[in-house]
Protein backbone atom coordinates (compact mmCIF):
# COMPACT_ATOMS: atom_id res chain seq x y z
CA MET A 1 0.00 0.00 0.00
CA LYS A 2 2.85 2.35 0.87
CA GLN A 3 4.48 1.74 -2.53
CA ILE A 4 1.23 2.49 -4.34
CA LEU A 5 0.79 5.72 -2.41
CA LEU A 6 4.40 6.77 -3.08
CA SER A 7 4.00 5.94 -6.78
CA PHE A 8 0.84 8.03 -6.93
CA ILE A 9 2.54 10.97 -5.21
CA PHE A 10 5.57 10.73 -7.51
CA CYS A 11 3.39 10.59 -10.65
CA ASN A 12 1.39 13.62 -9.53
CA PHE A 13 4.59 15.51 -8.74
CA PHE A 14 5.95 14.70 -12.23
CA VAL A 15 2.74 15.86 -13.93
CA ILE A 16 2.69 19.12 -11.95
CA ALA A 17 6.39 19.77 -12.63
CA HIS A 18 5.90 19.01 -16.34
CA SER A 19 2.94 21.43 -16.51
CA GLN A 20 4.95 24.15 -14.81
CA THR A 21 7.78 23.66 -17.32
CA GLN A 22 5.38 24.04 -20.28
CA GLU A 23 3.80 27.12 -18.71
CA LYS A 24 7.23 28.62 -18.06
CA LEU A 25 8.19 28.11 -21.73
CA ILE A 26 5.10 30.05 -22.81
CA ARG A 27 5.72 32.86 -20.33
CA ASN A 28 9.41 33.08 -21.27
CA PHE A 29 8.54 33.14 -24.96
CA TYR A 30 6.39 36.23 -24.46
CA ALA A 31 8.89 37.81 -22.08
CA GLY A 32 11.09 38.06 -25.17
CA PHE A 33 8.43 40.20 -26.86
CA GLU A 34 8.08 42.44 -23.80
CA LYS A 35 11.85 42.84 -23.48
CA LYS A 36 12.38 43.15 -27.26
CA ASP A 37 14.93 40.31 -27.06
CA TRP A 38 14.81 37.76 -29.88
CA SER A 39 17.33 35.48 -28.14
CA ILE A 40 14.85 34.84 -25.31
CA ILE A 41 12.20 33.80 -27.85
CA ALA A 42 14.56 31.66 -29.93
CA SER A 43 15.80 29.80 -26.83
CA GLN A 44 12.24 28.53 -26.17
CA LEU A 45 11.76 27.06 -29.66
CA ALA A 46 12.48 23.57 -30.98
CA GLU A 47 14.63 23.36 -34.13
CA ASP A 48 11.61 22.16 -36.13
CA PHE A 49 9.29 24.84 -34.69
CA THR A 50 6.28 25.95 -36.76
CA PHE A 51 3.85 28.83 -36.40
CA THR A 52 0.35 28.92 -37.90
CA SER A 53 -2.27 31.66 -37.82
CA PRO A 54 -5.43 32.71 -39.67
CA ASN A 55 -3.38 35.60 -41.06
CA GLY A 56 -1.99 33.50 -43.95
CA ASP A 57 0.73 31.85 -41.87
CA ASP A 58 0.89 28.14 -42.59
CA HIS A 59 3.56 26.35 -40.59
CA LEU A 60 6.18 29.10 -40.73
CA ASN A 61 9.62 27.92 -39.63
CA ILE A 62 11.75 29.92 -37.17
CA ALA A 63 13.37 32.15 -39.81
CA GLN A 64 10.00 32.88 -41.48
CA TYR A 65 8.38 33.51 -38.10
CA LYS A 66 11.12 35.96 -37.12
CA GLU A 67 10.88 37.78 -40.45
CA LYS A 68 7.08 38.05 -40.46
CA CYS A 69 6.14 38.32 -36.78
CA TRP A 70 9.08 39.61 -34.74
CA GLY A 71 8.50 43.19 -35.91
CA THR A 72 5.25 43.35 -33.96
CA SER A 73 7.27 43.28 -30.72
CA LYS A 74 7.69 47.05 -31.02
CA PHE A 75 3.95 47.33 -30.24
CA PHE A 76 4.06 45.07 -27.14
CA LYS A 77 4.08 46.85 -23.80
CA HIS A 78 2.84 44.11 -21.47
CA ILE A 79 1.35 40.61 -21.67
CA GLU A 80 -0.95 38.98 -19.13
CA PHE A 81 -2.15 35.39 -19.08
CA PRO A 82 -5.64 34.99 -17.62
CA ARG A 83 -5.35 31.26 -18.29
CA ILE A 84 -2.79 28.66 -19.35
CA MET A 85 -4.03 25.07 -19.51
CA VAL A 86 -1.44 22.32 -19.93
CA GLU A 87 -2.17 18.68 -20.67
CA GLY A 88 0.82 16.49 -21.46
CA ASN A 89 2.74 17.95 -24.39
CA ASN A 90 -0.05 20.35 -25.33
CA ALA A 91 -1.29 23.63 -23.93
CA PHE A 92 -3.77 26.41 -24.56
CA ALA A 93 -2.98 29.94 -23.44
CA ILE A 94 -5.36 32.86 -23.28
CA TYR A 95 -3.46 36.11 -23.15
CA ASP A 96 -3.94 39.85 -23.36
CA ILE A 97 -1.36 42.07 -25.00
CA THR A 98 -1.35 45.68 -23.88
CA THR A 99 0.02 47.65 -26.81
CA THR A 100 2.21 50.73 -26.64
CA ASP A 101 -0.82 52.85 -27.52
CA GLY A 102 -2.91 51.35 -24.69
CA LYS A 103 -5.09 48.95 -26.70
CA ILE A 104 -5.78 45.40 -25.54
CA VAL A 105 -5.38 42.47 -27.91
CA HIS A 106 -6.99 39.22 -26.71
CA ASN A 107 -5.61 36.00 -28.26
CA VAL A 108 -5.73 32.25 -27.76
CA GLU A 109 -2.89 29.94 -28.77
CA TYR A 110 -2.47 26.18 -28.96
CA TYR A 111 1.02 24.89 -28.23
CA THR A 112 2.76 21.56 -28.69
CA PHE A 113 6.02 20.77 -26.93
CA ASN A 114 8.91 18.41 -27.55
CA ASN A 115 12.06 17.93 -25.45
CA ALA A 116 11.30 20.93 -23.21
CA LYS A 117 10.91 23.29 -26.18
CA ILE A 118 7.94 24.80 -28.01
CA LYS A 119 7.45 22.69 -31.15
CA SER A 120 4.47 24.56 -32.60
CA ILE A 121 2.10 27.43 -32.00
CA GLU A 122 -1.26 27.89 -33.63
CA VAL A 123 -2.77 31.29 -32.86
CA PHE A 124 -6.45 32.23 -33.02
CA PHE A 125 -7.18 35.95 -33.33
CA GLY A 126 -9.28 38.36 -35.25
CA THR A 127 -7.54 40.25 -38.03
CA GLY A 128 -9.15 43.56 -37.04
CA VAL A 129 -7.40 46.89 -36.65
CA HIS A 130 -6.52 46.28 -32.99
CA TYR A 131 -3.89 43.64 -33.70
CA PRO A 132 -0.40 45.18 -33.30
CA GLY A 133 1.01 46.27 -36.64
CA ASN A 134 -2.25 45.74 -38.52
CA SER A 135 -3.06 48.79 -40.60
CA GLY A 136 -6.72 47.79 -40.80
CA LYS A 137 -6.65 47.11 -44.54
């Protein structure tokens, strides 16, 4: 009975620690946007990372992601996470970007992880004028 209880405790500890690691990767990734530091972002990404969005981004690799998306960091003032939900090697994050002009952008992202790195991000957002860098066209 003692071994079963210890096994249960150890498994729960591993699951909680794993979830905290995934959540920390997400938070660190966006800290790079807040700090305008690409190296922080890049250090969170797996070599085969891909990024997908409804804005015409279909599995962009790291170089394509940096070229197309990194420029929006100049509009990021602060990021808050009302909710991050981790299950195994997958997570959803709901976050609010406060832009440099005081607007709030509300997004949801789906993450996959591999070897303690972010393997993919799929973002869900509206393409309206409030997204940082969007001219509204």
